[in-house]
N, C-alpha and C. Protein backbone atom coordinates (compact mmCIF):
# COMPACT_ATOMS: atom_id res chain seq x y z
N MET A 1 -12.01 -18.13 -15.71
CA MET A 1 -10.82 -18.18 -16.57
C MET A 1 -11.29 -18.91 -17.93
N GLU A 2 -11.91 -19.95 -17.88
CA GLU A 2 -12.40 -20.67 -19.08
C GLU A 2 -12.94 -19.79 -20.13
N ALA A 3 -13.82 -18.81 -19.61
CA ALA A 3 -14.57 -17.95 -20.63
C ALA A 3 -13.58 -17.07 -21.22
N LEU A 4 -12.62 -16.52 -20.43
CA LEU A 4 -11.55 -15.68 -21.10
C LEU A 4 -10.67 -16.31 -22.04
N TRP A 5 -10.24 -17.51 -21.65
CA TRP A 5 -9.44 -18.46 -22.50
C TRP A 5 -10.22 -18.62 -23.79
N THR A 6 -11.50 -19.04 -23.72
CA THR A 6 -12.21 -19.49 -24.94
C THR A 6 -12.64 -18.24 -25.78
N HIS A 7 -13.18 -17.21 -25.10
CA HIS A 7 -13.80 -16.16 -26.00
C HIS A 7 -12.93 -14.85 -26.12
N GLY A 8 -11.80 -14.92 -25.30
CA GLY A 8 -10.95 -13.70 -25.34
C GLY A 8 -11.36 -12.64 -24.41
N ALA A 9 -11.05 -11.48 -24.53
CA ALA A 9 -11.38 -10.27 -23.72
C ALA A 9 -12.89 -10.26 -23.62
N SER A 10 -13.24 -10.02 -22.41
CA SER A 10 -14.86 -10.05 -22.12
C SER A 10 -15.17 -9.09 -20.85
N SER A 11 -16.34 -8.70 -20.80
CA SER A 11 -16.88 -8.00 -19.72
C SER A 11 -17.45 -9.03 -18.66
N ILE A 12 -17.68 -8.56 -17.44
CA ILE A 12 -18.22 -9.38 -16.43
C ILE A 12 -19.60 -10.07 -16.98
N ARG A 13 -20.45 -9.27 -17.65
CA ARG A 13 -21.62 -9.86 -18.15
C ARG A 13 -21.39 -10.91 -19.08
N GLU A 14 -20.45 -10.69 -20.03
CA GLU A 14 -20.08 -11.79 -21.00
C GLU A 14 -19.57 -12.95 -20.33
N ILE A 15 -18.74 -12.89 -19.30
CA ILE A 15 -18.15 -13.94 -18.56
C ILE A 15 -19.41 -14.78 -17.93
N GLN A 16 -20.35 -14.01 -17.29
CA GLN A 16 -21.45 -14.55 -16.68
C GLN A 16 -22.22 -15.42 -17.61
N GLU A 17 -22.54 -14.72 -18.71
CA GLU A 17 -23.35 -15.45 -19.82
C GLU A 17 -22.60 -16.69 -20.52
N ALA A 18 -21.37 -16.87 -20.27
CA ALA A 18 -20.66 -18.03 -20.77
C ALA A 18 -21.07 -19.24 -20.00
N PHE A 19 -21.60 -19.20 -18.82
CA PHE A 19 -21.93 -20.20 -17.94
C PHE A 19 -23.34 -20.83 -18.43
N PRO A 20 -23.51 -22.15 -18.45
CA PRO A 20 -24.84 -22.71 -18.87
C PRO A 20 -25.91 -22.23 -18.04
N GLU A 21 -27.06 -22.04 -18.74
CA GLU A 21 -28.24 -21.35 -18.19
C GLU A 21 -28.72 -21.98 -16.78
N PRO A 22 -28.85 -23.23 -16.70
CA PRO A 22 -29.49 -23.71 -15.43
C PRO A 22 -28.56 -23.51 -14.21
N HIS A 23 -27.27 -23.38 -14.46
CA HIS A 23 -26.31 -23.35 -13.35
C HIS A 23 -25.50 -21.88 -13.36
N ARG A 24 -26.05 -20.96 -14.00
CA ARG A 24 -25.39 -19.72 -14.21
C ARG A 24 -25.39 -18.94 -12.76
N PRO A 25 -24.12 -18.63 -12.31
CA PRO A 25 -24.18 -17.81 -11.10
C PRO A 25 -24.61 -16.34 -11.31
N ALA A 26 -24.90 -15.71 -10.16
CA ALA A 26 -25.32 -14.44 -10.25
C ALA A 26 -24.30 -13.45 -10.70
N TYR A 27 -24.68 -12.29 -11.29
CA TYR A 27 -23.68 -11.30 -11.78
C TYR A 27 -22.66 -10.93 -10.69
N THR A 28 -23.26 -10.73 -9.42
CA THR A 28 -22.28 -10.28 -8.33
C THR A 28 -21.21 -11.29 -7.97
N THR A 29 -21.66 -12.68 -8.02
CA THR A 29 -20.77 -13.76 -7.85
C THR A 29 -19.58 -13.73 -8.89
N VAL A 30 -19.93 -13.44 -10.17
CA VAL A 30 -19.04 -13.51 -11.20
C VAL A 30 -18.09 -12.23 -11.01
N GLN A 31 -18.67 -11.20 -10.65
CA GLN A 31 -17.90 -9.90 -10.41
C GLN A 31 -16.97 -10.14 -9.20
N THR A 32 -17.39 -10.75 -8.16
CA THR A 32 -16.39 -11.02 -7.16
C THR A 32 -15.21 -11.92 -7.64
N MET A 33 -15.44 -13.01 -8.30
CA MET A 33 -14.53 -13.91 -8.84
C MET A 33 -13.49 -13.12 -9.69
N VAL A 34 -14.08 -12.30 -10.57
CA VAL A 34 -13.25 -11.46 -11.55
C VAL A 34 -12.41 -10.63 -10.83
N TYR A 35 -12.84 -9.89 -9.78
CA TYR A 35 -12.09 -8.98 -8.97
C TYR A 35 -10.91 -9.64 -8.24
N ARG A 36 -11.26 -10.82 -7.64
CA ARG A 36 -10.25 -11.63 -6.98
C ARG A 36 -9.15 -12.14 -7.96
N LEU A 37 -9.58 -12.59 -9.15
CA LEU A 37 -8.52 -12.93 -10.09
C LEU A 37 -7.72 -11.82 -10.55
N GLU A 38 -8.30 -10.62 -10.63
CA GLU A 38 -7.55 -9.45 -10.97
C GLU A 38 -6.46 -9.14 -9.91
N ALA A 39 -6.94 -9.19 -8.58
CA ALA A 39 -6.12 -8.88 -7.48
C ALA A 39 -5.04 -9.91 -7.49
N LYS A 40 -5.14 -11.27 -8.01
CA LYS A 40 -4.09 -12.19 -8.06
C LYS A 40 -3.20 -12.19 -9.25
N LYS A 41 -3.50 -11.11 -10.05
CA LYS A 41 -2.76 -10.98 -11.26
C LYS A 41 -2.95 -12.05 -12.28
N ALA A 42 -4.11 -12.68 -12.31
CA ALA A 42 -4.41 -13.74 -13.22
C ALA A 42 -5.15 -13.22 -14.39
N ILE A 43 -5.75 -12.02 -14.18
CA ILE A 43 -6.51 -11.37 -15.32
C ILE A 43 -6.21 -9.82 -15.11
N ARG A 44 -6.52 -9.13 -16.13
CA ARG A 44 -6.33 -7.74 -16.09
C ARG A 44 -7.39 -6.86 -16.93
N ARG A 45 -7.65 -5.62 -16.48
CA ARG A 45 -8.47 -4.88 -17.23
C ARG A 45 -7.78 -4.24 -18.53
N VAL A 46 -8.43 -4.32 -19.59
CA VAL A 46 -7.73 -3.88 -20.83
C VAL A 46 -8.41 -2.59 -21.31
N LYS A 47 -9.53 -2.36 -21.21
CA LYS A 47 -10.34 -1.25 -21.58
C LYS A 47 -11.64 -1.01 -20.84
N LYS A 48 -12.27 0.07 -21.10
CA LYS A 48 -13.56 0.27 -20.57
C LYS A 48 -14.47 0.79 -21.67
N ILE A 49 -15.60 0.13 -21.79
CA ILE A 49 -16.60 0.60 -22.78
C ILE A 49 -17.86 0.83 -22.05
N GLY A 50 -18.25 2.27 -21.94
CA GLY A 50 -19.36 2.74 -21.24
C GLY A 50 -18.85 2.41 -19.71
N ASN A 51 -19.84 1.75 -18.94
CA ASN A 51 -19.56 1.41 -17.67
C ASN A 51 -18.94 0.10 -17.36
N ALA A 52 -18.74 -0.59 -18.53
CA ALA A 52 -18.27 -2.07 -18.48
C ALA A 52 -16.78 -2.09 -18.66
N HIS A 53 -16.06 -2.75 -17.76
CA HIS A 53 -14.71 -2.92 -17.89
C HIS A 53 -14.53 -4.32 -18.55
N ILE A 54 -13.40 -4.37 -19.50
CA ILE A 54 -13.21 -5.50 -20.38
C ILE A 54 -11.94 -6.10 -19.69
N PHE A 55 -12.10 -7.47 -19.41
CA PHE A 55 -10.84 -8.13 -18.84
C PHE A 55 -10.23 -9.22 -19.89
N GLU A 56 -8.99 -9.52 -19.69
CA GLU A 56 -8.39 -10.60 -20.35
C GLU A 56 -7.41 -11.38 -19.56
N ALA A 57 -7.31 -12.62 -19.84
CA ALA A 57 -6.41 -13.47 -19.14
C ALA A 57 -4.91 -13.03 -19.18
N VAL A 58 -4.24 -13.03 -18.19
CA VAL A 58 -2.80 -12.75 -18.08
C VAL A 58 -2.01 -13.98 -18.20
N ILE A 59 -2.58 -15.05 -17.43
CA ILE A 59 -1.81 -16.44 -17.59
C ILE A 59 -2.60 -17.37 -18.50
N SER A 60 -1.81 -18.06 -19.10
CA SER A 60 -2.32 -19.00 -20.15
C SER A 60 -3.00 -20.27 -19.40
N ARG A 61 -3.86 -20.92 -20.10
CA ARG A 61 -4.42 -22.12 -19.53
C ARG A 61 -3.45 -23.18 -19.04
N ASN A 62 -2.35 -23.27 -19.89
CA ASN A 62 -1.28 -24.34 -19.56
C ASN A 62 -0.59 -23.89 -18.22
N ALA A 63 -0.32 -22.70 -18.08
CA ALA A 63 0.49 -22.14 -16.90
C ALA A 63 -0.53 -22.26 -15.68
N ALA A 64 -1.76 -22.10 -15.84
CA ALA A 64 -2.76 -22.29 -14.63
C ALA A 64 -2.83 -23.78 -14.21
N GLN A 65 -2.95 -24.52 -15.21
CA GLN A 65 -2.95 -25.99 -15.01
C GLN A 65 -1.68 -26.50 -14.30
N ARG A 66 -0.61 -26.01 -14.70
CA ARG A 66 0.71 -26.39 -14.11
C ARG A 66 0.78 -26.04 -12.61
N ARG A 67 0.25 -24.72 -12.37
CA ARG A 67 0.32 -24.24 -11.05
C ARG A 67 -0.63 -24.99 -10.19
N LEU A 68 -1.84 -25.31 -10.62
CA LEU A 68 -2.85 -26.05 -9.87
C LEU A 68 -2.31 -27.44 -9.56
N ILE A 69 -1.66 -28.10 -10.50
CA ILE A 69 -1.26 -29.40 -10.22
C ILE A 69 -0.12 -29.45 -9.32
N ASP A 70 0.88 -28.49 -9.48
CA ASP A 70 2.03 -28.44 -8.41
C ASP A 70 1.41 -28.20 -7.13
N GLU A 71 0.38 -27.35 -6.92
CA GLU A 71 -0.22 -27.09 -5.55
C GLU A 71 -0.85 -28.41 -5.03
N LEU A 72 -1.55 -29.10 -5.98
CA LEU A 72 -2.28 -30.40 -5.56
C LEU A 72 -1.15 -31.36 -5.06
N LEU A 73 -0.14 -31.51 -5.80
CA LEU A 73 0.94 -32.51 -5.39
C LEU A 73 1.64 -32.12 -4.19
N SER A 74 1.70 -30.70 -3.80
CA SER A 74 2.33 -30.27 -2.61
C SER A 74 1.46 -30.82 -1.37
N PHE A 75 0.22 -31.03 -1.57
CA PHE A 75 -0.61 -31.66 -0.56
C PHE A 75 -0.19 -33.02 -0.10
N PHE A 76 0.43 -33.73 -1.09
CA PHE A 76 0.87 -35.09 -1.00
C PHE A 76 2.46 -35.26 -0.81
N GLY A 77 3.04 -34.08 -0.50
CA GLY A 77 4.45 -34.08 -0.28
C GLY A 77 5.21 -34.22 -1.58
N GLY A 78 4.57 -33.91 -2.67
CA GLY A 78 5.23 -34.05 -3.95
C GLY A 78 5.08 -35.39 -4.63
N ARG A 79 4.43 -36.20 -3.82
CA ARG A 79 4.33 -37.67 -4.27
C ARG A 79 3.09 -37.69 -5.43
N THR A 80 3.30 -38.34 -6.47
CA THR A 80 2.29 -38.51 -7.53
C THR A 80 1.52 -39.72 -7.29
N GLN A 81 2.04 -40.72 -6.54
CA GLN A 81 1.41 -42.05 -6.51
C GLN A 81 -0.11 -41.92 -5.89
N PRO A 82 -0.36 -41.25 -4.87
CA PRO A 82 -1.70 -41.15 -4.37
C PRO A 82 -2.71 -40.53 -5.44
N VAL A 83 -2.20 -39.64 -6.20
CA VAL A 83 -3.04 -38.99 -7.27
C VAL A 83 -3.28 -39.98 -8.36
N MET A 84 -2.26 -40.61 -8.76
CA MET A 84 -2.39 -41.64 -9.83
C MET A 84 -3.34 -42.83 -9.38
N ALA A 85 -3.17 -43.21 -8.11
CA ALA A 85 -4.06 -44.37 -7.57
C ALA A 85 -5.54 -43.86 -7.66
N HIS A 86 -5.76 -42.66 -7.25
CA HIS A 86 -7.21 -42.22 -7.21
C HIS A 86 -7.70 -42.15 -8.63
N LEU A 87 -6.91 -41.61 -9.68
CA LEU A 87 -7.37 -41.64 -11.05
C LEU A 87 -7.59 -42.99 -11.59
N ILE A 88 -6.78 -43.93 -11.26
CA ILE A 88 -7.12 -45.28 -11.68
C ILE A 88 -8.25 -45.91 -11.03
N ASP A 89 -8.32 -45.79 -9.79
CA ASP A 89 -9.63 -46.18 -8.93
C ASP A 89 -10.80 -45.67 -9.41
N SER A 90 -10.80 -44.30 -9.83
CA SER A 90 -12.02 -43.71 -10.16
C SER A 90 -12.45 -43.90 -11.76
N GLY A 91 -11.41 -44.61 -12.41
CA GLY A 91 -11.79 -44.94 -13.85
C GLY A 91 -11.32 -43.66 -14.82
N GLN A 92 -10.79 -42.59 -14.25
CA GLN A 92 -10.47 -41.38 -15.02
C GLN A 92 -9.14 -41.55 -15.77
N LEU A 93 -8.24 -42.54 -15.41
CA LEU A 93 -6.97 -42.70 -16.15
C LEU A 93 -7.16 -43.93 -16.90
N THR A 94 -6.92 -43.84 -18.28
CA THR A 94 -7.16 -45.01 -19.18
C THR A 94 -5.71 -45.48 -19.50
N LEU A 95 -5.82 -46.53 -20.14
CA LEU A 95 -4.53 -47.30 -20.63
C LEU A 95 -3.95 -46.32 -21.69
N GLU A 96 -4.66 -45.73 -22.53
CA GLU A 96 -4.30 -44.80 -23.48
C GLU A 96 -3.56 -43.51 -22.87
N ASP A 97 -4.05 -43.07 -21.75
CA ASP A 97 -3.46 -41.96 -21.00
C ASP A 97 -2.00 -42.47 -20.54
N VAL A 98 -2.01 -43.70 -20.03
CA VAL A 98 -0.69 -44.30 -19.56
C VAL A 98 0.35 -44.31 -20.69
N GLN A 99 -0.19 -44.82 -21.78
CA GLN A 99 0.85 -45.08 -22.96
C GLN A 99 1.28 -43.70 -23.45
N GLU A 100 0.45 -42.72 -23.51
CA GLU A 100 0.80 -41.27 -23.86
C GLU A 100 1.82 -40.79 -22.90
N ALA A 101 1.68 -41.00 -21.56
CA ALA A 101 2.58 -40.66 -20.49
C ALA A 101 3.91 -41.34 -20.75
N GLU A 102 3.90 -42.64 -21.03
CA GLU A 102 5.12 -43.31 -21.29
C GLU A 102 5.87 -42.79 -22.50
N GLN A 103 5.23 -42.36 -23.48
CA GLN A 103 5.90 -41.71 -24.65
C GLN A 103 6.46 -40.41 -24.32
N THR A 104 5.88 -39.77 -23.57
CA THR A 104 6.29 -38.33 -23.09
C THR A 104 7.60 -38.59 -22.15
N LEU A 105 7.53 -39.51 -21.27
CA LEU A 105 8.70 -39.94 -20.38
C LEU A 105 9.96 -40.26 -21.28
N ARG A 106 9.67 -40.99 -22.32
CA ARG A 106 10.73 -41.64 -23.16
C ARG A 106 11.28 -40.42 -23.88
N ARG A 107 10.50 -39.46 -24.40
CA ARG A 107 10.96 -38.40 -25.19
C ARG A 107 11.87 -37.41 -24.19
N LEU A 108 11.36 -37.36 -23.05
CA LEU A 108 12.21 -36.39 -21.96
C LEU A 108 13.43 -37.10 -21.64
N ALA A 109 13.46 -38.45 -21.64
CA ALA A 109 14.67 -39.11 -21.30
C ALA A 109 15.65 -38.98 -22.34
N ARG A 110 15.27 -39.12 -23.61
CA ARG A 110 16.11 -38.88 -24.80
C ARG A 110 16.75 -37.44 -24.74
N LYS A 111 15.88 -36.51 -24.48
CA LYS A 111 16.35 -35.04 -24.50
C LYS A 111 17.43 -34.99 -23.34
N GLU A 112 17.34 -35.61 -22.16
CA GLU A 112 18.33 -35.58 -21.13
C GLU A 112 19.54 -36.19 -21.60
N LYS A 113 19.40 -37.26 -22.20
CA LYS A 113 20.69 -38.03 -22.71
C LYS A 113 21.49 -37.18 -23.72
N SER A 114 20.74 -36.41 -24.57
CA SER A 114 21.39 -35.70 -25.53
C SER A 114 22.05 -34.51 -25.04
N LYS A 115 21.88 -34.12 -23.88
CA LYS A 115 22.48 -32.92 -23.19
C LYS A 115 23.89 -33.00 -23.04
């Protein structure tokens, strides 16, 4: 998905070549991932050039992130605390992140009040 979001419509070969060289998956592995994403309606074929099908993302990066986070939280019964605790313990959540989140919460609270 990252290759399609970054580079736009691409063939399977172009998607494969977007992976860094030392860890690049086999063409058939990328092909399988692409076909599974197509079956899930996350990407679609837009045209065919020679024997190569060109695919594009149907869902945005933002929508995919939201869906993934919602699924993750569902594992914790919708509770954010275990996830936040892990992010803090692992050093992945910074004070700057918390301050930005506070600003967002305040902005949302103001919007709710004005309704």
